[in-house]
Protein backbone atom coordinates (compact mmCIF):
# COMPACT_ATOMS: atom_id res chain seq x y z
CA UNK A 1 121.37 72.92 42.50
CA UNK A 2 121.43 76.60 44.89
CA UNK A 3 123.35 75.11 47.77
CA UNK A 4 125.98 73.36 45.27
CA UNK A 5 126.69 76.46 43.58
CA UNK A 6 129.22 78.99 44.98
CA UNK A 7 131.88 81.61 44.47
CA UNK A 8 133.85 78.79 43.65
CA UNK A 9 132.08 75.83 42.44
CA UNK A 10 134.60 73.51 43.26
CA UNK A 11 133.19 70.06 43.05
CA UNK A 12 130.34 70.91 39.78
CA UNK A 13 133.50 72.70 37.84
CA UNK A 14 135.95 69.92 38.88
CA UNK A 15 132.97 66.98 37.31
CA UNK A 16 132.79 69.35 34.23
CA UNK A 17 136.42 69.55 33.45
CA UNK A 18 137.08 65.99 34.27
CA UNK A 19 134.11 65.09 32.13
CA UNK A 20 135.12 67.07 29.39
CA UNK A 21 138.47 65.35 29.14
CA UNK A 22 136.87 62.53 26.58
CA UNK A 23 135.06 64.90 24.34
CA UNK A 24 135.77 66.42 20.97
CA UNK A 25 134.14 69.80 20.61
CA UNK A 26 134.30 71.89 17.85
CA UNK A 27 134.99 75.42 19.21
CA UNK A 28 133.87 79.16 18.28
CA UNK A 29 136.68 81.13 16.51
CA UNK A 30 138.86 83.24 18.84
CA UNK A 31 141.34 85.99 18.92
CA UNK A 32 144.55 85.69 19.13
CA UNK A 33 145.91 87.69 21.92
CA UNK A 34 149.81 88.21 20.27
CA UNK A 35 148.38 89.30 17.05
CA UNK A 36 146.03 92.13 18.93
CA UNK A 37 148.21 92.96 22.00
CA UNK A 38 152.36 91.90 21.52
CA UNK A 39 153.39 95.59 20.93
CA UNK A 40 151.49 97.10 23.45
CA UNK A 41 152.42 94.11 25.93
CA UNK A 42 156.00 94.88 24.86
CA UNK A 43 155.79 98.62 25.72
CA UNK A 44 156.98 99.21 28.45
CA UNK A 45 157.32 102.28 31.29
CA UNK A 46 155.88 104.32 34.20
CA UNK A 47 152.80 105.07 31.69
CA UNK A 48 151.05 101.54 32.30
CA UNK A 49 149.92 101.12 35.63
CA UNK A 50 150.59 98.07 37.78
CA UNK A 51 147.82 95.67 38.50
CA UNK A 52 146.51 94.06 41.29
CA UNK A 53 144.18 91.13 41.30
CA UNK A 54 141.58 90.59 44.03
CA UNK A 55 139.55 87.21 44.18
CA UNK A 56 136.42 86.47 45.16
CA UNK A 57 135.41 84.73 48.80
CA UNK A 58 136.96 81.62 48.89
CA UNK A 59 139.61 82.54 46.28
CA UNK A 60 142.28 82.61 48.75
CA UNK A 61 144.40 79.92 50.16
CA UNK A 62 143.98 79.71 53.97
CA UNK A 63 147.03 78.54 56.26
CA UNK A 64 146.99 77.68 59.87
CA UNK A 65 150.97 77.76 60.22
CA UNK A 66 150.79 76.71 64.29
CA UNK A 67 148.52 73.54 62.77
CA UNK A 68 150.24 70.16 62.98
CA UNK A 69 151.49 69.08 59.71
CA UNK A 70 148.89 67.71 57.41
CA UNK A 71 146.48 69.92 58.66
CA UNK A 72 147.92 73.71 58.22
CA UNK A 73 146.20 73.93 54.64
CA UNK A 74 142.57 75.02 56.35
CA UNK A 75 141.11 76.23 53.13
CA UNK A 76 142.69 75.39 48.93
CA UNK A 77 143.27 71.51 49.87
CA UNK A 78 141.13 68.93 49.90
CA UNK A 79 143.28 65.54 49.90
CA UNK A 80 146.00 64.64 52.27
CA UNK A 81 147.43 67.76 52.70
CA UNK A 82 144.30 70.06 53.88
CA UNK A 83 141.88 70.05 57.04
CA UNK A 84 138.99 67.77 57.44
CA UNK A 85 135.92 69.67 57.61
CA UNK A 86 133.78 66.73 59.00
CA UNK A 87 135.83 66.73 61.97
CA UNK A 88 135.38 68.96 64.83
CA UNK A 89 138.83 69.88 64.46
CA UNK A 90 138.67 70.95 61.03
CA UNK A 91 135.84 72.03 61.58
CA UNK A 92 136.81 74.92 64.53
CA UNK A 93 140.41 75.40 62.12
CA UNK A 94 137.88 76.96 59.16
CA UNK A 95 135.16 79.31 61.69
CA UNK A 96 136.47 82.65 63.00
CA UNK A 97 136.56 82.35 66.76
CA UNK A 98 133.29 83.63 68.96
CA UNK A 99 133.69 85.92 72.14
CA UNK A 100 131.40 88.23 74.00
CA UNK A 101 133.59 90.31 74.94
CA UNK A 102 134.95 91.53 71.21
CA UNK A 103 134.19 93.30 68.15
CA UNK A 104 134.58 91.48 65.36
CA UNK A 105 137.95 92.89 64.39
CA UNK A 106 139.35 91.52 67.37
CA UNK A 107 138.04 87.85 66.68
CA UNK A 108 141.17 86.39 65.51
CA UNK A 109 142.56 83.36 65.02
CA UNK A 110 145.88 82.03 63.90
CA UNK A 111 144.92 81.46 59.94
CA UNK A 112 146.77 83.69 57.44
CA UNK A 113 145.94 84.25 53.41
CA UNK A 114 149.12 83.06 51.29
CA UNK A 115 148.21 83.51 47.98
CA UNK A 116 145.52 83.49 45.62
CA UNK A 117 144.13 79.92 44.54
CA UNK A 118 145.56 79.73 41.17
CA UNK A 119 145.13 75.94 41.48
CA UNK A 120 142.75 73.79 44.05
CA UNK A 121 143.92 70.45 44.84
CA UNK A 122 141.41 67.87 45.69
CA UNK A 123 140.74 64.31 45.55
CA UNK A 124 137.58 63.22 43.56
CA UNK A 125 136.86 59.12 44.33
CA UNK A 126 140.40 58.96 45.43
CA UNK A 127 142.25 60.39 42.43
CA UNK A 128 144.03 63.40 42.86
CA UNK A 129 143.21 66.36 40.95
CA UNK A 130 144.31 69.74 39.94
CA UNK A 131 141.54 72.32 39.73
CA UNK A 132 142.43 75.21 38.08
CA UNK A 133 141.13 78.53 39.89
CA UNK A 134 142.92 82.10 39.25
CA UNK A 135 145.42 80.83 36.73
CA UNK A 136 143.43 81.98 33.70
CA UNK A 137 143.26 85.56 34.91
CA UNK A 138 147.06 85.65 35.82
CA UNK A 139 148.33 83.89 33.23
CA UNK A 140 146.51 86.51 30.72
CA UNK A 141 147.89 89.32 32.70
CA UNK A 142 151.10 87.52 32.13
CA UNK A 143 150.82 87.15 28.63
CA UNK A 144 149.79 91.34 28.38
CA UNK A 145 153.04 92.30 29.89
CA UNK A 146 152.00 91.94 33.30
CA UNK A 147 154.35 89.65 35.92
CA UNK A 148 153.48 87.89 39.06
CA UNK A 149 156.44 86.87 40.54
CA UNK A 150 154.79 84.02 42.87
CA UNK A 151 152.82 82.37 39.58
CA UNK A 152 155.87 82.13 37.83
CA UNK A 153 155.43 82.42 34.47
CA UNK A 154 151.87 82.52 33.81
CA UNK A 155 151.77 83.05 30.16
CA UNK A 156 152.69 79.38 29.84
CA UNK A 157 149.46 78.26 30.04
CA UNK A 158 148.23 80.19 27.10
CA UNK A 159 149.54 77.89 24.40
CA UNK A 160 148.76 78.91 21.05
CA UNK A 161 148.06 82.25 21.45
CA UNK A 162 151.10 83.71 20.24
CA UNK A 163 151.73 86.19 23.34
CA UNK A 164 155.80 87.52 23.40
CA UNK A 165 155.33 90.47 26.66
CA UNK A 166 159.48 90.51 26.50
CA UNK A 167 161.77 89.98 29.12
CA UNK A 168 160.98 93.34 30.44
CA UNK A 169 157.45 93.98 32.01
CA UNK A 170 155.60 95.46 34.65
CA UNK A 171 154.55 93.83 37.38
CA UNK A 172 151.37 92.20 38.30
CA UNK A 173 150.73 90.86 41.96
CA UNK A 174 147.91 88.92 43.94
CA UNK A 175 146.50 90.11 46.79
CA UNK A 176 145.57 87.30 48.82
CA UNK A 177 142.78 87.85 51.98
CA UNK A 178 141.26 86.26 54.45
CA UNK A 179 137.81 86.05 52.85
CA UNK A 180 135.94 84.88 55.91
CA UNK A 181 136.77 88.73 57.53
CA UNK A 182 135.04 91.67 57.19
CA UNK A 183 135.07 93.57 54.26
CA UNK A 184 136.55 96.26 55.95
CA UNK A 185 139.15 95.16 57.44
CA UNK A 186 139.98 93.54 54.39
CA UNK A 187 140.30 97.22 52.59
CA UNK A 188 143.07 98.44 55.20
CA UNK A 189 145.10 95.17 54.40
CA UNK A 190 144.49 96.22 50.74
CA UNK A 191 145.78 99.33 50.91
CA UNK A 192 149.01 98.45 53.30
CA UNK A 193 149.63 96.29 50.09
CA UNK A 194 149.56 99.23 47.76
CA UNK A 195 151.64 101.07 50.18
CA UNK A 196 153.87 98.10 49.88
CA UNK A 197 154.31 97.68 46.56
CA UNK A 198 154.25 101.10 45.74
CA UNK A 199 157.63 101.26 47.61
CA UNK A 200 158.92 98.51 45.25
CA UNK A 201 157.50 100.24 41.87
CA UNK A 202 159.00 103.13 42.92
CA UNK A 203 162.75 101.92 43.75
CA UNK A 204 162.80 100.84 39.75
CA UNK A 205 161.44 103.70 38.47
CA UNK A 206 163.68 105.79 40.44
CA UNK A 207 166.83 103.55 39.22
CA UNK A 208 165.37 102.48 35.67
CA UNK A 209 163.75 105.57 34.51
CA UNK A 210 165.22 108.55 36.88
CA UNK A 211 162.25 109.56 37.99
CA UNK A 212 163.06 110.95 41.73
CA UNK A 213 158.80 111.32 43.22
CA UNK A 214 156.53 108.68 41.06
CA UNK A 215 153.29 109.32 41.20
CA UNK A 216 152.27 105.58 41.13
CA UNK A 217 148.48 104.45 40.54
CA UNK A 218 147.09 100.86 40.29
CA UNK A 219 144.71 99.27 38.47
CA UNK A 220 142.32 96.84 40.62
CA UNK A 221 141.06 93.72 38.96
CA UNK A 222 138.73 92.06 41.47
CA UNK A 223 136.10 89.42 40.81
CA UNK A 224 133.38 88.18 42.79
CA UNK A 225 133.69 89.91 46.39
CA UNK A 226 137.06 91.45 45.49
CA UNK A 227 134.91 93.66 43.21
CA UNK A 228 132.84 95.09 46.37
CA UNK A 229 135.87 94.75 48.02
CA UNK A 230 137.28 97.64 45.30
CA UNK A 231 133.98 99.25 45.52
CA UNK A 232 134.49 99.75 49.32
CA UNK A 233 137.96 100.61 49.42
CA UNK A 234 137.86 103.26 46.26
CA UNK A 235 134.91 104.91 48.27
CA UNK A 236 136.45 104.70 51.71
CA UNK A 237 139.38 104.00 51.41
CA UNK A 238 140.41 102.27 55.13
CA UNK A 239 137.65 104.64 57.05
CA UNK A 240 135.18 102.53 59.40
CA UNK A 241 131.22 102.73 57.89
CA UNK A 242 130.53 104.19 60.75
CA UNK A 243 132.60 107.29 60.72
CA UNK A 244 131.21 110.61 59.79
CA UNK A 245 133.11 111.14 56.51
CA UNK A 246 130.83 107.77 55.51
CA UNK A 247 127.75 108.16 57.10
CA UNK A 248 126.80 111.68 55.55
CA UNK A 249 126.60 110.56 52.38
CA UNK A 250 129.61 112.29 50.48
CA UNK A 251 132.39 109.41 49.59
CA UNK A 252 135.49 111.41 49.91
CA UNK A 253 136.92 109.29 47.33
CA UNK A 254 140.38 108.18 49.16
CA UNK A 255 141.10 105.12 47.67
CA UNK A 256 140.59 106.77 44.49
CA UNK A 257 143.60 108.89 44.90
CA UNK A 258 146.04 105.48 44.45
CA UNK A 259 143.58 103.66 41.78
CA UNK A 260 143.74 104.61 37.75
CA UNK A 261 140.96 101.67 36.77
CA UNK A 262 139.21 99.21 38.51
CA UNK A 263 137.77 96.77 36.72
CA UNK A 264 134.61 94.58 38.79
CA UNK A 265 134.04 91.00 37.22
CA UNK A 266 130.78 89.44 38.27
CA UNK A 267 130.47 91.56 41.26
CA UNK A 268 127.58 90.76 43.78
CA UNK A 269 126.81 94.68 44.33
CA UNK A 270 123.49 94.46 45.32
CA UNK A 271 124.30 91.27 47.29
CA UNK A 272 123.60 87.24 46.02
CA UNK A 273 121.00 84.96 47.21
CA UNK A 274 123.53 82.36 47.09
CA UNK A 275 125.45 83.78 50.11
CA UNK A 276 122.11 84.12 52.41
CA UNK A 277 121.29 80.86 51.69
CA UNK A 278 124.65 79.42 52.68
CA UNK A 279 124.37 80.78 55.72
CA UNK A 280 120.88 78.72 56.15
CA UNK A 281 122.24 75.54 54.59
CA UNK A 282 126.13 75.88 54.72
CA UNK A 283 128.63 75.64 51.77
CA UNK A 284 127.82 72.10 49.73
CA UNK A 285 129.92 70.69 47.39
CA UNK A 286 129.79 67.62 48.48
CA UNK A 287 131.10 64.42 48.11
CA UNK A 288 134.47 67.36 47.87
CA UNK A 289 133.71 69.38 50.57
CA UNK A 290 131.01 70.56 53.36
CA UNK A 291 130.83 73.63 56.16
CA UNK A 292 128.32 73.34 58.00
CA UNK A 293 126.02 76.46 58.53
CA UNK A 294 127.20 77.29 62.13
CA UNK A 295 130.56 77.10 60.84
CA UNK A 296 129.51 79.41 57.79
CA UNK A 297 127.54 81.73 60.11
CA UNK A 298 130.74 83.18 61.65
CA UNK A 299 132.14 84.60 58.40
CA UNK A 300 131.18 88.46 58.60
CA UNK A 301 131.99 88.50 55.21
CA UNK A 302 129.31 86.17 53.84
CA UNK A 303 126.62 88.48 55.94
CA UNK A 304 127.91 91.50 53.69
CA UNK A 305 127.32 89.31 50.54
CA UNK A 306 123.89 89.08 51.23
CA UNK A 307 121.20 90.92 49.31
CA UNK A 308 119.61 93.80 50.76
CA UNK A 309 115.64 94.70 51.90
CA UNK A 310 114.75 96.82 49.14
CA UNK A 311 115.38 94.53 46.23
CA UNK A 312 112.88 91.95 47.61
CA UNK A 313 115.26 89.09 46.63
CA UNK A 314 114.46 87.60 49.95
CA UNK A 315 110.98 87.75 50.72
CA UNK A 316 110.12 88.03 54.25
CA UNK A 317 106.55 88.61 55.92
CA UNK A 318 105.53 92.57 56.32
CA UNK A 319 107.63 94.52 58.93
CA UNK A 320 110.43 91.64 58.73
CA UNK A 321 113.74 92.79 57.89
CA UNK A 322 116.71 90.41 56.82
CA UNK A 323 119.36 92.15 59.12
CA UNK A 324 117.18 92.04 62.07
CA UNK A 325 119.12 89.34 64.15
CA UNK A 326 114.94 88.80 66.04
CA UNK A 327 114.12 87.65 62.29
CA UNK A 328 116.82 85.12 62.29
CA UNK A 329 116.00 83.66 65.62
CA UNK A 330 112.83 83.41 65.49
CA UNK A 331 112.94 81.26 61.90
CA UNK A 332 115.73 79.10 64.09
CA UNK A 333 118.05 80.13 60.56
CA UNK A 334 121.75 79.90 60.59
CA UNK A 335 123.31 79.70 64.00
CA UNK A 336 120.05 80.11 65.58
CA UNK A 337 119.38 76.34 64.06
CA UNK A 338 118.54 73.29 66.51
CA UNK A 339 120.34 71.37 63.99
CA UNK A 340 123.07 72.79 64.74
CA UNK A 341 123.50 72.50 68.48
CA UNK A 342 126.37 69.69 67.69
CA UNK A 343 128.47 71.90 65.32
CA UNK A 344 128.15 74.79 67.86
CA UNK A 345 129.62 72.12 70.64
CA UNK A 346 132.18 71.74 68.65
CA UNK A 347 133.37 75.33 67.71
CA UNK A 348 132.87 76.27 71.40
CA UNK A 349 133.90 73.25 73.26
CA UNK A 350 134.88 76.26 76.74
CA UNK A 351 131.31 77.75 76.62
CA UNK A 352 130.57 75.37 79.35
CA UNK A 353 126.54 75.06 78.21
CA UNK A 354 124.63 74.98 75.21
CA UNK A 355 122.30 78.19 76.74
CA UNK A 356 125.99 80.16 76.65
CA UNK A 357 126.83 78.82 73.25
CA UNK A 358 123.02 79.88 71.93
CA UNK A 359 123.73 83.49 73.70
CA UNK A 360 127.12 83.90 72.42
CA UNK A 361 125.83 82.91 68.68
CA UNK A 362 123.10 85.15 69.23
CA UNK A 363 125.59 88.25 69.80
CA UNK A 364 127.77 87.37 67.12
CA UNK A 365 124.93 86.95 64.58
CA UNK A 366 124.03 90.66 65.99
CA UNK A 367 127.11 92.04 65.24
CA UNK A 368 127.69 90.46 61.74
CA UNK A 369 124.31 92.19 60.84
CA UNK A 370 124.64 95.32 62.31
CA UNK A 371 128.27 95.72 60.24
CA UNK A 372 126.80 94.65 56.81
CA UNK A 373 123.79 96.60 56.76
CA UNK A 374 126.67 99.95 57.63
CA UNK A 375 128.38 98.64 54.89
CA UNK A 376 126.01 98.63 52.48
CA UNK A 377 125.04 102.32 53.15
CA UNK A 378 128.98 103.46 52.71
CA UNK A 379 128.52 101.77 49.43
CA UNK A 380 125.57 101.95 47.64
CA UNK A 381 124.80 105.73 48.04
CA UNK A 382 125.39 107.52 44.51
CA UNK A 383 128.59 108.71 43.55
CA UNK A 384 131.12 109.66 40.56
CA UNK A 385 134.61 108.87 41.45
CA UNK A 386 136.90 111.74 40.61
CA UNK A 387 138.66 112.53 37.86
CA UNK A 388 141.42 109.99 36.94
CA UNK A 389 139.76 107.07 38.50
CA UNK A 390 137.58 105.03 35.97
CA UNK A 391 134.99 102.23 36.85
CA UNK A 392 134.50 98.87 34.11
CA UNK A 393 132.47 96.21 35.00
CA UNK A 394 132.28 92.62 33.05
CA UNK A 395 129.76 90.62 34.15
CA UNK A 396 127.03 87.23 32.96
CA UNK A 397 123.68 87.42 31.91
CA UNK A 398 123.13 84.13 29.91
CA UNK A 399 122.85 81.46 32.95
CA UNK A 400 118.90 81.62 34.91
CA UNK A 401 120.35 82.60 38.35
CA UNK A 402 117.93 82.37 41.12
CA UNK A 403 117.10 85.77 42.07
CA UNK A 404 114.14 85.41 44.62
CA UNK A 405 113.83 82.91 47.70
CA UNK A 406 111.02 82.49 49.95
CA UNK A 407 112.32 81.61 53.37
CA UNK A 408 110.91 78.77 56.23
CA UNK A 409 112.01 77.52 59.16
CA UNK A 410 115.46 76.09 59.84
CA UNK A 411 117.43 77.01 56.92
CA UNK A 412 114.21 75.85 54.50
CA UNK A 413 113.54 77.87 51.47
CA UNK A 414 111.88 77.71 48.09
CA UNK A 415 113.50 79.55 44.91
CA UNK A 416 110.73 81.31 43.66
CA UNK A 417 112.08 83.40 40.74
CA UNK A 418 114.89 83.29 38.10
CA UNK A 419 116.69 86.01 36.21
CA UNK A 420 119.69 86.56 33.55
CA UNK A 421 122.73 86.59 35.21
CA UNK A 422 125.82 84.06 35.90
CA UNK A 423 124.60 81.07 37.93
CA UNK A 424 125.60 83.25 41.34
CA UNK A 425 125.07 86.92 40.40
CA UNK A 426 122.24 87.98 38.70
CA UNK A 427 123.09 90.71 36.19
CA UNK A 428 120.99 93.52 37.69
CA UNK A 429 122.61 93.15 40.73
CA UNK A 430 126.11 93.01 39.44
CA UNK A 431 124.83 96.25 37.93
CA UNK A 432 123.35 97.73 41.19
CA UNK A 433 120.06 97.80 39.43
CA UNK A 434 117.54 99.95 41.66
CA UNK A 435 114.37 99.19 39.38
CA UNK A 436 114.81 95.44 41.27
CA UNK A 437 112.22 94.64 43.43
CA UNK A 438 110.31 98.03 42.22
CA UNK A 439 107.11 97.64 43.90
CA UNK A 440 103.89 97.83 41.64
CA UNK A 441 102.18 100.95 40.45
CA UNK A 442 105.68 102.88 40.96
CA UNK A 443 106.89 104.13 37.78
CA UNK A 444 109.11 102.18 35.98
CA UNK A 445 112.49 103.93 33.74
CA UNK A 446 113.40 102.27 30.93
CA UNK A 447 116.84 103.22 31.35
CA UNK A 448 119.56 101.70 34.27
CA UNK A 449 119.14 103.31 37.58
CA UNK A 450 122.18 102.62 39.73
CA UNK A 451 124.62 104.98 42.15
CA UNK A 452 127.65 103.25 40.45
CA UNK A 453 129.07 105.15 38.08
CA UNK A 454 130.27 102.50 34.94
CA UNK A 455 132.73 104.16 32.22
CA UNK A 456 132.00 100.74 30.63
CA UNK A 457 130.00 97.84 30.91
CA UNK A 458 130.61 94.57 29.32
CA UNK A 459 128.12 91.36 29.08
CA UNK A 460 129.48 87.99 28.60
CA UNK A 461 127.49 84.57 28.51
CA UNK A 462 129.59 82.31 31.00
CA UNK A 463 129.20 81.64 34.29
CA UNK A 464 130.81 83.25 37.08
CA UNK A 465 133.95 81.87 37.55
CA UNK A 466 134.05 81.19 33.98
CA UNK A 467 134.02 84.44 33.28
CA UNK A 468 137.42 84.40 34.07
CA UNK A 469 138.39 81.69 32.00
CA UNK A 470 136.70 82.83 28.81
CA UNK A 471 138.95 84.59 25.53
CA UNK A 472 136.36 87.32 25.12
CA UNK A 473 136.81 88.10 28.63
CA UNK A 474 140.57 87.91 28.05
CA UNK A 475 140.43 90.37 25.16
CA UNK A 476 138.02 92.83 26.73
CA UNK A 477 140.65 92.64 29.95
CA UNK A 478 143.89 93.08 27.96
CA UNK A 479 142.40 96.09 26.29
CA UNK A 480 141.06 97.92 29.21
CA UNK A 481 144.18 97.40 30.79
CA UNK A 482 146.83 98.07 27.56
CA UNK A 483 144.82 100.08 25.20
CA UNK A 484 142.03 102.04 26.50
CA UNK A 485 142.53 105.79 26.66
CA UNK A 486 143.13 107.06 30.39
CA UNK A 487 141.42 110.31 31.56
CA UNK A 488 144.46 112.96 30.92
CA UNK A 489 143.46 116.72 31.93
CA UNK A 490 143.47 119.16 28.79
CA UNK A 491 146.82 120.36 28.32
CA UNK A 492 148.69 117.72 30.16
CA UNK A 493 150.93 115.56 28.08
C-alpha cells in the first residue's frame, strides 16, 4: 500500500472515481457557498488580497518544448500525448541531470513547468480518462470572487452552489513550478512571480482606483510541498539556507513582507515517510505510471520532504543518520541499489563505465542530502511571523497513515507504526509537533510544542488530495480569504 500512495495518487484516486460513478449514495448536508459568500465575493477593491495557489509535488505539468512531438509532456499526461516512463527516453526526460562538476542549481535540462495540474489526462485499460487534480481548489477560489485567467471560468465546476461573484473580481494565480528541483530555487521563482503579478495588479489599481503607489500583499494557498515552500519563502525569501542571515537562527521574514495570509494545506512540515520510501522503491502507481528509484533519486525536492532524524519516523541503528550518504551506500538505498544499475545506464549513457556512474550517483546523493538537512535547519527554528502576516493550517487526521518504518537493505522496509493523518502526511508532521519521537523518560507536554506560530488550525476527515475537494474545506478556505479579520494596527483604518 505504501508504494502506491503519493501526493497525487493517480491510480488509486482514478479507480475510486471510476468505481463511484455507478453508485447512488446519500450525501451529508453541505452549506450553499453562495448563500454564505455571495456578498463578500462581490465586494471588490484593494482591501482584498490577490491569491496565489501553490500545488504540491507532482502538481505542476512539466513539458519539454525541445522534445519530439508526442513526447513533450514529461509529467501530466499519461496517454499518447506524454512521454513513456517505461523507456530510457522517458526516464531521462523526467530525471534531472547528474554531474560531478556542478552544484544542484546548475544541473538543468530543458523541461519547463507550464501550469498547475487542474486536470490529468491518462488511460485505464485503453480508455481515455480525465482526472481532476487541483480543479476543485481553483474552482472554489473562482466562486469566491477570484479568477485565474488560465483556468477559464472555475465557478462552472461548482454546479448547485449558487455562487455569483459578478463580472468584477480580483485575480487568483496558479504558481506552476518544477517540483523535482530544490525548494530554495523555487522560492526565488515564487518571488519573481509575485513581483510580476504585483506590477500587473498595481496597474489596475492605478487605473481603476487612482492609487498611485499601492502596497500589495498576496495570500498564499499552498498544498503539501507547496505549503512547505511557502514556509521557506515567508521566513527567508530568496536567501540561501547557508547564508549567515539564515544560520544565525533568527528568521528575517523577508518573504512575509509580501504576504498577508499563508494557508497551509496538508503540509509535511516534519517530513513524510512516503518521500523516503519512494526514494527507495520509486513512484509506483502501476499500471498507469512507475518511476524507478534511480529516477526519483535525481530529484532534490524529494530528499527535502523526508522526515527528520529526531522524530524517529525512520527507525535506524544507533549512530546512523538518514542524512548520511554513507548509510545510503552501505544499505544500498535509492541510487545505490544494484537493481538500479540498468536505469543508471539509461540516465548516464555517456559516463563510460558502471564505476563512473556509481561515482556520479554517490556525489548526487551527497549533495541532495546536505541540501535537505540545511533547508530543514532553516525552517525548523521557532519564530513568530511579523505583524500583518498570518499562518493558517488545514490538515486531515482521520486516516491511519504510516508514521514509522524500519528499513533494511536494497529498498526493503517494514511499516512498524501508524498514526492519524491523511494517508500521506501524519497529523503531527503537519503541526511539526516536536513531541513526535520524544524519548521515553523525558517529560511529556500535554500541549502542542511546535516552532510554527499558527493563527488557526482546522482538522478535516479527508485524504491528502481529497482535502481540496471537501465542501468543509471550501467553506473554511473562503472564510479565511474573504471574511476572516486581518491584522490591523491600532489607530489605522
